[in-house]
Amino acid sequence: MNGPLAPLLLWTAGFVCAGVGLHVSRAPGGRTAPRPSGRVPGLLRAAMRVPCSASSVARLSRATDEASLVRAGLSGDLGPDALARMRLGLAAAGLALSSCAALLAPPAAVMIPLAAGGGVALPGRWVARRGDARRAALVRELPDLLDLLGICIEAGMALDPALRLAADRLGGTLGEEVRVVLRDLSLGSPRRDAYQGFVARAGAPEVTRTIGALLQAEELGAPLSRALQGQAESLRASRRQDARERAARAAPKIQLVVAMVMVPAVLMLVIGVLVIELSRQVGAVIG
């Protein structure tokens, strides 16, 4: 393995780096990809700058990339092509590092496909985790927004000024989304389309139910403040139920930790004391 395999791995890494450097991809139609903001980690920004061919970008693109970036709140910072570039850059970096490690220690050659596969999967995992965190923040802030809207509407304000005031007071992730909805409404989008865009960006069933209740109340002419209050109470009840379920799932985990860590430690302490005392007694008997 030291003889023919080491030059082969070295030549393979060299050809990969040369191919990546020769084929520089450009956006179709002369359009440039969005520049990543500070919300993108430095490692992913560096991987995105690795030059690659348009065919490689198309091969590493996924059909769900655009929707995932929208749900993660990164549609204005990254595009699907940028995500594919990240996959290729991290895969090339993992391939090069694992090849160098295999040259130094031949058994490390088994890490080459794992490193390349991990580089391909890392950007998607990061986007998915960011989307989950953003969805949790939206669901957590939604009852407070509904309470503020209900208070403003009961005070005699119209819905759009109430939304603007609630977004300014609340801030955070949900406040930004409400501002996007208001911007769409100001540009002439129908209210249903603006709300549906918010539902698509959120990707949370709680937001879907809330928007559906608001649209239904508006179509049927029901009091909007009552619908807002009912949705806020329903969301808080759902949050309490989720907390109870998480607490119920945590109990077996705590018991497992106690059984696997604390009980053996106590047994070792007791057995150690018994062995020491027994050795003293037996030593006194046998001299």
C-alpha atoms as a PDB file:
ATOM      1  CA  MET A   1       0.000   0.000   0.000  1.00  0.00           C
ATOM      2  CA  ASN A   2       2.936   2.294   0.573  1.00  0.00           C
ATOM      3  CA  GLY A   3       4.378   1.670  -2.913  1.00  0.00           C
ATOM      4  CA  PRO A   4       1.835   2.116  -5.737  1.00  0.00           C
ATOM      5  CA  LEU A   5      -1.054   3.637  -3.732  1.00  0.00           C
ATOM      6  CA  ALA A   6       0.735   6.722  -2.407  1.00  0.00           C
ATOM      7  CA  PRO A   7       1.660   8.168  -5.853  1.00  0.00           C
ATOM      8  CA  LEU A   8      -1.825   7.296  -7.121  1.00  0.00           C
ATOM      9  CA  LEU A   9      -3.507   9.253  -4.328  1.00  0.00           C
ATOM     10  CA  LEU A  10      -1.146  12.167  -4.846  1.00  0.00           C
ATOM     11  CA  TRP A  11      -1.853  12.266  -8.584  1.00  0.00           C
ATOM     12  CA  THR A  12      -5.601  12.015  -7.930  1.00  0.00           C
ATOM     13  CA  ALA A  13      -5.557  14.978  -5.551  1.00  0.00           C
ATOM     14  CA  GLY A  14      -3.482  16.951  -8.058  1.00  0.00           C
ATOM     15  CA  PHE A  15      -5.904  16.236 -10.919  1.00  0.00           C
ATOM     16  CA  VAL A  16      -8.891  17.226  -8.762  1.00  0.00           C
ATOM     17  CA  CYS A  17      -7.289  20.554  -7.823  1.00  0.00           C
ATOM     18  CA  ALA A  18      -6.261  21.191 -11.450  1.00  0.00           C
ATOM     19  CA  GLY A  19      -9.757  20.441 -12.755  1.00  0.00           C
ATOM     20  CA  VAL A  20     -11.346  22.708 -10.182  1.00  0.00           C
ATOM     21  CA  GLY A  21      -8.970  25.511 -11.081  1.00  0.00           C
ATOM     22  CA  LEU A  22      -9.440  25.214 -14.859  1.00  0.00           C
ATOM     23  CA  HIS A  23     -13.244  25.241 -14.952  1.00  0.00           C
ATOM     24  CA  VAL A  24     -14.538  28.487 -13.493  1.00  0.00           C
ATOM     25  CA  SER A  25     -18.297  28.652 -13.476  1.00  0.00           C
ATOM     26  CA  ARG A  26     -20.269  31.820 -14.193  1.00  0.00           C
ATOM     27  CA  ALA A  27     -23.879  32.549 -13.477  1.00  0.00           C
ATOM     28  CA  PRO A  28     -26.129  32.184 -16.563  1.00  0.00           C
ATOM     29  CA  GLY A  29     -27.115  35.367 -18.340  1.00  0.00           C
ATOM     30  CA  GLY A  30     -24.346  37.381 -16.746  1.00  0.00           C
ATOM     31  CA  ARG A  31     -26.098  37.438 -13.366  1.00  0.00           C
ATOM     32  CA  THR A  32     -23.974  37.324 -10.272  1.00  0.00           C
ATOM     33  CA  ALA A  33     -24.822  35.288  -7.197  1.00  0.00           C
ATOM     34  CA  PRO A  34     -25.761  37.100  -3.975  1.00  0.00           C
ATOM     35  CA  ARG A  35     -22.838  37.992  -1.792  1.00  0.00           C
ATOM     36  CA  PRO A  36     -22.848  36.087   1.504  1.00  0.00           C
ATOM     37  CA  SER A  37     -23.412  38.174   4.576  1.00  0.00           C
ATOM     38  CA  GLY A  38     -21.933  37.823   8.033  1.00  0.00           C
ATOM     39  CA  ARG A  39     -24.596  35.232   8.843  1.00  0.00           C
ATOM     40  CA  VAL A  40     -22.701  32.689   6.734  1.00  0.00           C
ATOM     41  CA  PRO A  41     -19.726  31.077   8.562  1.00  0.00           C
ATOM     42  CA  GLY A  42     -16.276  31.882   7.257  1.00  0.00           C
ATOM     43  CA  LEU A  43     -15.554  28.255   6.338  1.00  0.00           C
ATOM     44  CA  LEU A  44     -18.590  28.116   4.061  1.00  0.00           C
ATOM     45  CA  ARG A  45     -17.785  31.498   2.531  1.00  0.00           C
ATOM     46  CA  ALA A  46     -14.270  30.287   1.730  1.00  0.00           C
ATOM     47  CA  ALA A  47     -15.625  27.056   0.235  1.00  0.00           C
ATOM     48  CA  MET A  48     -18.048  29.031  -1.932  1.00  0.00           C
ATOM     49  CA  ARG A  49     -15.164  30.955  -3.534  1.00  0.00           C
ATOM     50  CA  VAL A  50     -13.566  27.785  -4.871  1.00  0.00           C
ATOM     51  CA  PRO A  51     -13.834  27.931  -8.698  1.00  0.00           C
ATOM     52  CA  CYS A  52     -15.828  25.121 -10.226  1.00  0.00           C
ATOM     53  CA  SER A  53     -17.482  24.222 -13.511  1.00  0.00           C
ATOM     54  CA  ALA A  54     -21.123  24.869 -14.323  1.00  0.00           C
ATOM     55  CA  SER A  55     -21.701  21.153 -14.833  1.00  0.00           C
ATOM     56  CA  SER A  56     -20.354  20.424 -11.337  1.00  0.00           C
ATOM     57  CA  VAL A  57     -22.649  23.075  -9.864  1.00  0.00           C
ATOM     58  CA  ALA A  58     -25.649  21.585 -11.664  1.00  0.00           C
ATOM     59  CA  ARG A  59     -24.686  18.085 -10.531  1.00  0.00           C
ATOM     60  CA  LEU A  60     -24.413  19.083  -6.868  1.00  0.00           C
ATOM     61  CA  SER A  61     -27.572  21.207  -6.822  1.00  0.00           C
ATOM     62  CA  ARG A  62     -30.675  19.849  -5.132  1.00  0.00           C
ATOM     63  CA  ALA A  63     -34.302  20.482  -6.036  1.00  0.00           C
ATOM     64  CA  THR A  64     -35.071  21.559  -2.464  1.00  0.00           C
ATOM     65  CA  ASP A  65     -32.170  24.006  -2.079  1.00  0.00           C
ATOM     66  CA  GLU A  66     -34.161  27.126  -2.902  1.00  0.00           C
ATOM     67  CA  ALA A  67     -36.997  26.256  -0.512  1.00  0.00           C
ATOM     68  CA  SER A  68     -34.513  25.391   2.236  1.00  0.00           C
ATOM     69  CA  LEU A  69     -32.723  28.729   1.838  1.00  0.00           C
ATOM     70  CA  VAL A  70     -36.045  30.580   1.979  1.00  0.00           C
ATOM     71  CA  ARG A  71     -37.068  28.805   5.187  1.00  0.00           C
ATOM     72  CA  ALA A  72     -33.646  29.527   6.677  1.00  0.00           C
ATOM     73  CA  GLY A  73     -33.950  33.245   5.861  1.00  0.00           C
ATOM     74  CA  LEU A  74     -30.915  33.141   3.562  1.00  0.00           C
ATOM     75  CA  SER A  75     -32.566  33.712   0.175  1.00  0.00           C
ATOM     76  CA  GLY A  76     -31.161  37.249   0.013  1.00  0.00           C
ATOM     77  CA  ASP A  77     -27.637  36.125   0.958  1.00  0.00           C
ATOM     78  CA  LEU A  78     -27.194  32.820  -0.855  1.00  0.00           C
ATOM     79  CA  GLY A  79     -28.541  31.114  -3.916  1.00  0.00           C
ATOM     80  CA  PRO A  80     -28.809  27.445  -4.891  1.00  0.00           C
ATOM     81  CA  ASP A  81     -25.657  27.796  -7.015  1.00  0.00           C
ATOM     82  CA  ALA A  82     -23.727  29.153  -4.035  1.00  0.00           C
ATOM     83  CA  LEU A  83     -24.842  26.186  -1.943  1.00  0.00           C
ATOM     84  CA  ALA A  84     -23.639  23.798  -4.650  1.00  0.00           C
ATOM     85  CA  ARG A  85     -20.285  25.615  -4.735  1.00  0.00           C
ATOM     86  CA  MET A  86     -20.000  25.141  -0.975  1.00  0.00           C
ATOM     87  CA  ARG A  87     -20.588  21.414  -1.376  1.00  0.00           C
ATOM     88  CA  LEU A  88     -17.937  21.125  -4.052  1.00  0.00           C
ATOM     89  CA  GLY A  89     -15.396  23.262  -2.173  1.00  0.00           C
ATOM     90  CA  LEU A  90     -15.789  21.336   1.080  1.00  0.00           C
ATOM     91  CA  ALA A  91     -15.695  18.007  -0.750  1.00  0.00           C
ATOM     92  CA  ALA A  92     -12.451  19.021  -2.506  1.00  0.00           C
ATOM     93  CA  ALA A  93     -10.955  20.196   0.794  1.00  0.00           C
ATOM     94  CA  GLY A  94     -11.928  16.962   2.525  1.00  0.00           C
ATOM     95  CA  LEU A  95     -10.535  14.925  -0.346  1.00  0.00           C
ATOM     96  CA  ALA A  96      -7.226  16.793  -0.320  1.00  0.00           C
ATOM     97  CA  LEU A  97      -6.783  16.606   3.465  1.00  0.00           C
ATOM     98  CA  SER A  98      -7.713  12.944   3.689  1.00  0.00           C
ATOM     99  CA  SER A  99      -5.377  12.122   0.762  1.00  0.00           C
ATOM    100  CA  CYS A 100      -2.499  13.854   2.531  1.00  0.00           C
ATOM    101  CA  ALA A 101      -3.327  11.956   5.708  1.00  0.00           C
ATOM    102  CA  ALA A 102      -3.402   8.701   3.734  1.00  0.00           C
ATOM    103  CA  LEU A 103       0.074   9.426   2.369  1.00  0.00           C
ATOM    104  CA  LEU A 104       1.387   9.807   5.906  1.00  0.00           C
ATOM    105  CA  ALA A 105      -0.630   6.921   7.364  1.00  0.00           C
ATOM    106  CA  PRO A 106      -1.943   4.436   4.769  1.00  0.00           C
ATOM    107  CA  PRO A 107      -4.766   3.087   7.005  1.00  0.00           C
ATOM    108  CA  ALA A 108      -6.277   6.578   6.862  1.00  0.00           C
ATOM    109  CA  ALA A 109      -7.214   5.948   3.215  1.00  0.00           C
ATOM    110  CA  VAL A 110     -10.596   4.701   4.397  1.00  0.00           C
ATOM    111  CA  MET A 111     -11.354   8.290   5.460  1.00  0.00           C
ATOM    112  CA  ILE A 112     -11.166   9.646   1.889  1.00  0.00           C
ATOM    113  CA  PRO A 113     -14.769   8.864   0.836  1.00  0.00           C
ATOM    114  CA  LEU A 114     -16.057   9.783   4.288  1.00  0.00           C
ATOM    115  CA  ALA A 115     -14.353  13.185   4.184  1.00  0.00           C
ATOM    116  CA  ALA A 116     -15.646  13.912   0.683  1.00  0.00           C
ATOM    117  CA  GLY A 117     -19.185  12.825   1.595  1.00  0.00           C
ATOM    118  CA  GLY A 118     -19.102  14.888   4.783  1.00  0.00           C
ATOM    119  CA  GLY A 119     -18.039  17.942   2.797  1.00  0.00           C
ATOM    120  CA  VAL A 120     -20.977  17.487   0.442  1.00  0.00           C
ATOM    121  CA  ALA A 121     -23.475  17.059   3.296  1.00  0.00           C
ATOM    122  CA  LEU A 122     -22.229  19.845   5.591  1.00  0.00           C
ATOM    123  CA  PRO A 123     -23.806  22.895   3.833  1.00  0.00           C
ATOM    124  CA  GLY A 124     -27.205  21.245   3.643  1.00  0.00           C
ATOM    125  CA  ARG A 125     -27.068  20.310   7.311  1.00  0.00           C
ATOM    126  CA  TRP A 126     -26.136  23.866   8.262  1.00  0.00           C
ATOM    127  CA  VAL A 127     -29.015  25.329   6.243  1.00  0.00           C
ATOM    128  CA  ALA A 128     -31.465  22.799   7.720  1.00  0.00           C
ATOM    129  CA  ARG A 129     -30.395  23.564  11.294  1.00  0.00           C
ATOM    130  CA  ARG A 130     -30.670  27.290  10.660  1.00  0.00           C
ATOM    131  CA  GLY A 131     -34.152  26.748   9.229  1.00  0.00           C
ATOM    132  CA  ASP A 132     -35.200  24.750  12.297  1.00  0.00           C
ATOM    133  CA  ALA A 133     -33.916  27.479  14.634  1.00  0.00           C
ATOM    134  CA  ARG A 134     -35.694  30.169  12.636  1.00  0.00           C
ATOM    135  CA  ARG A 135     -38.964  28.229  12.623  1.00  0.00           C
ATOM    136  CA  ALA A 136     -38.742  27.722  16.398  1.00  0.00           C
ATOM    137  CA  ALA A 137     -38.157  31.472  16.877  1.00  0.00           C
ATOM    138  CA  LEU A 138     -41.197  32.324  14.740  1.00  0.00           C
ATOM    139  CA  VAL A 139     -43.443  29.952  16.672  1.00  0.00           C
ATOM    140  CA  ARG A 140     -42.118  31.258  20.004  1.00  0.00           C
ATOM    141  CA  GLU A 141     -42.766  34.913  19.097  1.00  0.00           C
ATOM    142  CA  LEU A 142     -46.128  34.406  17.391  1.00  0.00           C
ATOM    143  CA  PRO A 143     -48.406  34.539  20.510  1.00  0.00           C
ATOM    144  CA  ASP A 144     -46.881  37.868  21.588  1.00  0.00           C
ATOM    145  CA  LEU A 145     -47.496  39.292  18.114  1.00  0.00           C
ATOM    146  CA  LEU A 146     -51.114  38.170  18.190  1.00  0.00           C
ATOM    147  CA  ASP A 147     -51.619  39.751  21.611  1.00  0.00           C
ATOM    148  CA  LEU A 148     -50.196  43.067  20.389  1.00  0.00           C
ATOM    149  CA  LEU A 149     -52.367  42.946  17.287  1.00  0.00           C
ATOM    150  CA  GLY A 150     -55.464  42.220  19.355  1.00  0.00           C
ATOM    151  CA  ILE A 151     -54.778  45.169  21.667  1.00  0.00           C
ATOM    152  CA  CYS A 152     -54.183  47.541  18.730  1.00  0.00           C
ATOM    153  CA  ILE A 153     -57.318  46.435  16.877  1.00  0.00           C
ATOM    154  CA  GLU A 154     -59.469  46.729  19.993  1.00  0.00           C
ATOM    155  CA  ALA A 155     -58.113  50.278  20.357  1.00  0.00           C
ATOM    156  CA  GLY A 156     -59.531  51.114  16.924  1.00  0.00           C
ATOM    157  CA  MET A 157     -56.488  50.737  14.659  1.00  0.00           C
ATOM    158  CA  ALA A 158     -56.678  49.234  11.180  1.00  0.00           C
ATOM    159  CA  LEU A 159     -54.942  45.940  10.513  1.00  0.00           C
ATOM    160  CA  ASP A 160     -51.948  47.210   8.502  1.00  0.00           C
ATOM    161  CA  PRO A 161     -50.957  49.996  10.948  1.00  0.00           C
ATOM    162  CA  ALA A 162     -51.442  47.505  13.776  1.00  0.00           C
ATOM    163  CA  LEU A 163     -49.122  45.056  12.018  1.00  0.00           C
ATOM    164  CA  ARG A 164     -46.500  47.762  11.525  1.00  0.00           C
ATOM    165  CA  LEU A 165     -46.687  48.859  15.162  1.00  0.00           C
ATOM    166  CA  ALA A 166     -46.561  45.266  16.446  1.00  0.00           C
ATOM    167  CA  ALA A 167     -43.567  44.472  14.224  1.00  0.00           C
ATOM    168  CA  ASP A 168     -41.687  47.554  15.484  1.00  0.00           C
ATOM    169  CA  ARG A 169     -42.470  46.716  19.104  1.00  0.00           C
ATOM    170  CA  LEU A 170     -41.749  43.017  18.825  1.00  0.00           C
ATOM    171  CA  GLY A 171     -38.670  42.989  16.565  1.00  0.00           C
ATOM    172  CA  GLY A 172     -36.777  39.740  16.160  1.00  0.00           C
ATOM    173  CA  THR A 173     -37.308  37.189  13.432  1.00  0.00           C
ATOM    174  CA  LEU A 174     -41.094  37.512  13.383  1.00  0.00           C
ATOM    175  CA  GLY A 175     -40.887  41.284  13.213  1.00  0.00           C
ATOM    176  CA  GLU A 176     -38.731  41.029  10.081  1.00  0.00           C
ATOM    177  CA  GLU A 177     -41.227  38.670   8.469  1.00  0.00           C
ATOM    178  CA  VAL A 178     -44.122  41.003   9.249  1.00  0.00           C
ATOM    179  CA  ARG A 179     -42.209  43.860   7.623  1.00  0.00           C
ATOM    180  CA  VAL A 180     -41.761  41.713   4.516  1.00  0.00           C
ATOM    181  CA  VAL A 181     -45.528  41.075   4.450  1.00  0.00           C
ATOM    182  CA  LEU A 182     -46.231  44.801   4.778  1.00  0.00           C
ATOM    183  CA  ARG A 183     -43.768  45.557   1.992  1.00  0.00           C
ATOM    184  CA  ASP A 184     -45.519  43.060  -0.281  1.00  0.00           C
ATOM    185  CA  LEU A 185     -48.866  44.651   0.535  1.00  0.00           C
ATOM    186  CA  SER A 186     -47.533  48.122  -0.201  1.00  0.00           C
ATOM    187  CA  LEU A 187     -46.296  46.912  -3.610  1.00  0.00           C
ATOM    188  CA  GLY A 188     -49.822  45.823  -4.535  1.00  0.00           C
ATOM    189  CA  SER A 189     -49.804  42.107  -3.685  1.00  0.00           C
ATOM    190  CA  PRO A 190     -53.179  40.683  -2.612  1.00  0.00           C
ATOM    191  CA  ARG A 191     -53.432  40.048   1.085  1.00  0.00           C
ATOM    192  CA  ARG A 192     -53.910  36.315   0.611  1.00  0.00           C
ATOM    193  CA  ASP A 193     -50.775  36.076  -1.559  1.00  0.00           C
ATOM    194  CA  ALA A 194     -48.724  38.073   0.941  1.00  0.00           C
ATOM    195  CA  TYR A 195     -49.908  35.843   3.779  1.00  0.00           C
ATOM    196  CA  GLN A 196     -49.226  32.688   1.778  1.00  0.00           C
ATOM    197  CA  GLY A 197     -45.695  33.916   1.102  1.00  0.00           C
ATOM    198  CA  PHE A 198     -45.215  34.319   4.845  1.00  0.00           C
ATOM    199  CA  VAL A 199     -46.486  30.755   5.368  1.00  0.00           C
ATOM    200  CA  ALA A 200     -44.041  29.420   2.741  1.00  0.00           C
ATOM    201  CA  ARG A 201     -41.091  31.246   4.305  1.00  0.00           C
ATOM    202  CA  ALA A 202     -41.992  30.118   7.825  1.00  0.00           C
ATOM    203  CA  GLY A 203     -42.649  26.451   7.090  1.00  0.00           C
ATOM    204  CA  ALA A 204     -44.376  25.991  10.461  1.00  0.00           C
ATOM    205  CA  PRO A 205     -47.831  24.420  10.947  1.00  0.00           C
ATOM    206  CA  GLU A 206     -48.610  26.930  13.708  1.00  0.00           C
ATOM    207  CA  VAL A 207     -48.150  29.828  11.307  1.00  0.00           C
ATOM    208  CA  THR A 208     -50.296  28.056   8.713  1.00  0.00           C
ATOM    209  CA  ARG A 209     -53.156  27.611  11.182  1.00  0.00           C
ATOM    210  CA  THR A 210     -52.910  31.213  12.379  1.00  0.00           C
ATOM    211  CA  ILE A 211     -52.926  32.680   8.863  1.00  0.00           C
ATOM    212  CA  GLY A 212     -55.836  30.429   7.908  1.00  0.00           C
ATOM    213  CA  ALA A 213     -57.838  31.623  10.909  1.00  0.00           C
ATOM    214  CA  LEU A 214     -57.108  35.277  10.080  1.00  0.00           C
ATOM    215  CA  LEU A 215     -58.174  34.859   6.456  1.00  0.00           C
ATOM    216  CA  GLN A 216     -61.305  33.012   7.483  1.00  0.00           C
ATOM    217  CA  ALA A 217     -62.228  35.684  10.013  1.00  0.00           C
ATOM    218  CA  GLU A 218     -61.700  38.387   7.384  1.00  0.00           C
ATOM    219  CA  GLU A 219     -63.812  36.577   4.788  1.00  0.00           C
ATOM    220  CA  LEU A 220     -66.663  35.792   7.193  1.00  0.00           C
ATOM    221  CA  GLY A 221     -66.635  39.207   8.833  1.00  0.00           C
ATOM    222  CA  ALA A 222     -65.971  37.804  12.311  1.00  0.00           C
ATOM    223  CA  PRO A 223     -64.382  40.051  14.956  1.00  0.00           C
ATOM    224  CA  LEU A 224     -60.672  39.981  14.240  1.00  0.00           C
ATOM    225  CA  SER A 225     -59.594  40.655  17.825  1.00  0.00           C
ATOM    226  CA  ARG A 226     -61.464  37.574  19.025  1.00  0.00           C
ATOM    227  CA  ALA A 227     -59.807  35.407  16.378  1.00  0.00           C
ATOM    228  CA  LEU A 228     -56.382  36.760  17.352  1.00  0.00           C
ATOM    229  CA  GLN A 229     -57.016  36.075  21.025  1.00  0.00           C
ATOM    230  CA  GLY A 230     -58.187  32.528  20.303  1.00  0.00           C
ATOM    231  CA  GLN A 231     -55.117  31.778  18.192  1.00  0.00           C
ATOM    232  CA  ALA A 232     -52.776  33.155  20.870  1.00  0.00           C
ATOM    233  CA  GLU A 233     -54.380  30.975  23.536  1.00  0.00           C
ATOM    234  CA  SER A 234     -54.222  27.929  21.252  1.00  0.00           C
ATOM    235  CA  LEU A 235     -50.525  28.503  20.548  1.00  0.00           C
ATOM    236  CA  ARG A 236     -49.696  28.868  24.233  1.00  0.00           C
ATOM    237  CA  ALA A 237     -51.626  25.695  25.043  1.00  0.00           C
ATOM    238  CA  SER A 238     -49.721  23.864  22.312  1.00  0.00           C
ATOM    239  CA  ARG A 239     -46.434  25.198  23.712  1.00  0.00           C
ATOM    240  CA  ARG A 240     -47.314  23.944  27.202  1.00  0.00           C
ATOM    241  CA  GLN A 241     -48.184  20.525  25.777  1.00  0.00           C
ATOM    242  CA  ASP A 242     -44.880  20.378  23.902  1.00  0.00           C
ATOM    243  CA  ALA A 243     -43.028  21.259  27.120  1.00  0.00           C
ATOM    244  CA  ARG A 244     -44.799  18.436  28.938  1.00  0.00           C
ATOM    245  CA  GLU A 245     -43.893  15.986  26.176  1.00  0.00           C
ATOM    246  CA  ARG A 246     -40.248  17.057  26.234  1.00  0.00           C
ATOM    247  CA  ALA A 247     -40.175  16.650  30.009  1.00  0.00           C
ATOM    248  CA  ALA A 248     -41.705  13.177  29.687  1.00  0.00           C
ATOM    249  CA  ARG A 249     -39.060  12.211  27.108  1.00  0.00           C
ATOM    250  CA  ALA A 250     -36.281  13.562  29.329  1.00  0.00           C
ATOM    251  CA  ALA A 251     -37.142  11.316  32.306  1.00  0.00           C
ATOM    252  CA  PRO A 252     -35.942   8.031  30.713  1.00  0.00           C
ATOM    253  CA  LYS A 253     -32.742   9.749  29.561  1.00  0.00           C
ATOM    254  CA  ILE A 254     -32.025  10.923  33.104  1.00  0.00           C
ATOM    255  CA  GLN A 255     -32.694   7.433  34.430  1.00  0.00           C
ATOM    256  CA  LEU A 256     -30.296   5.996  31.858  1.00  0.00           C
ATOM    257  CA  VAL A 257     -27.567   8.404  32.929  1.00  0.00           C
ATOM    258  CA  VAL A 258     -28.135   7.511  36.572  1.00  0.00           C
ATOM    259  CA  ALA A 259     -28.066   3.781  35.803  1.00  0.00           C
ATOM    260  CA  MET A 260     -24.971   3.957  33.578  1.00  0.00           C
ATOM    261  CA  VAL A 261     -22.865   6.511  35.481  1.00  0.00           C
ATOM    262  CA  MET A 262     -23.901   7.093  39.076  1.00  0.00           C
ATOM    263  CA  VAL A 263     -24.830   3.547  40.087  1.00  0.00           C
ATOM    264  CA  PRO A 264     -21.537   1.980  38.880  1.00  0.00           C
ATOM    265  CA  ALA A 265     -19.585   4.752  40.630  1.00  0.00           C
ATOM    266  CA  VAL A 266     -21.349   4.063  43.941  1.00  0.00           C
ATOM    267  CA  LEU A 267     -20.870   0.297  43.540  1.00  0.00           C
ATOM    268  CA  MET A 268     -17.177   0.776  42.818  1.00  0.00           C
ATOM    269  CA  LEU A 269     -16.832   2.899  45.966  1.00  0.00           C
ATOM    270  CA  VAL A 270     -18.637   0.333  48.134  1.00  0.00           C
ATOM    271  CA  ILE A 271     -16.742  -2.623  46.664  1.00  0.00           C
ATOM    272  CA  GLY A 272     -13.432  -0.786  47.064  1.00  0.00           C
ATOM    273  CA  VAL A 273     -14.102  -0.161  50.772  1.00  0.00           C
ATOM    274  CA  LEU A 274     -15.127  -3.805  51.259  1.00  0.00           C
ATOM    275  CA  VAL A 275     -11.973  -5.066  49.521  1.00  0.00           C
ATOM    276  CA  ILE A 276      -9.744  -2.831  51.640  1.00  0.00           C
ATOM    277  CA  GLU A 277     -11.432  -3.925  54.867  1.00  0.00           C
ATOM    278  CA  LEU A 278     -11.374  -7.593  53.841  1.00  0.00           C
ATOM    279  CA  SER A 279      -7.684  -7.407  53.001  1.00  0.00           C
ATOM    280  CA  ARG A 280      -6.950  -5.992  56.432  1.00  0.00           C
ATOM    281  CA  GLN A 281      -8.895  -8.758  58.202  1.00  0.00           C
ATOM    282  CA  VAL A 282      -7.438 -11.550  56.073  1.00  0.00           C
ATOM    283  CA  GLY A 283      -3.970 -10.077  56.424  1.00  0.00           C
ATOM    284  CA  ALA A 284      -4.294 -10.097  60.208  1.00  0.00           C
ATOM    285  CA  VAL A 285      -5.379 -13.761  60.174  1.00  0.00           C
ATOM    286  CA  ILE A 286      -2.717 -15.124  57.829  1.00  0.00           C
ATOM    287  CA  GLY A 287      -0.019 -12.826  59.163  1.00  0.00           C
END
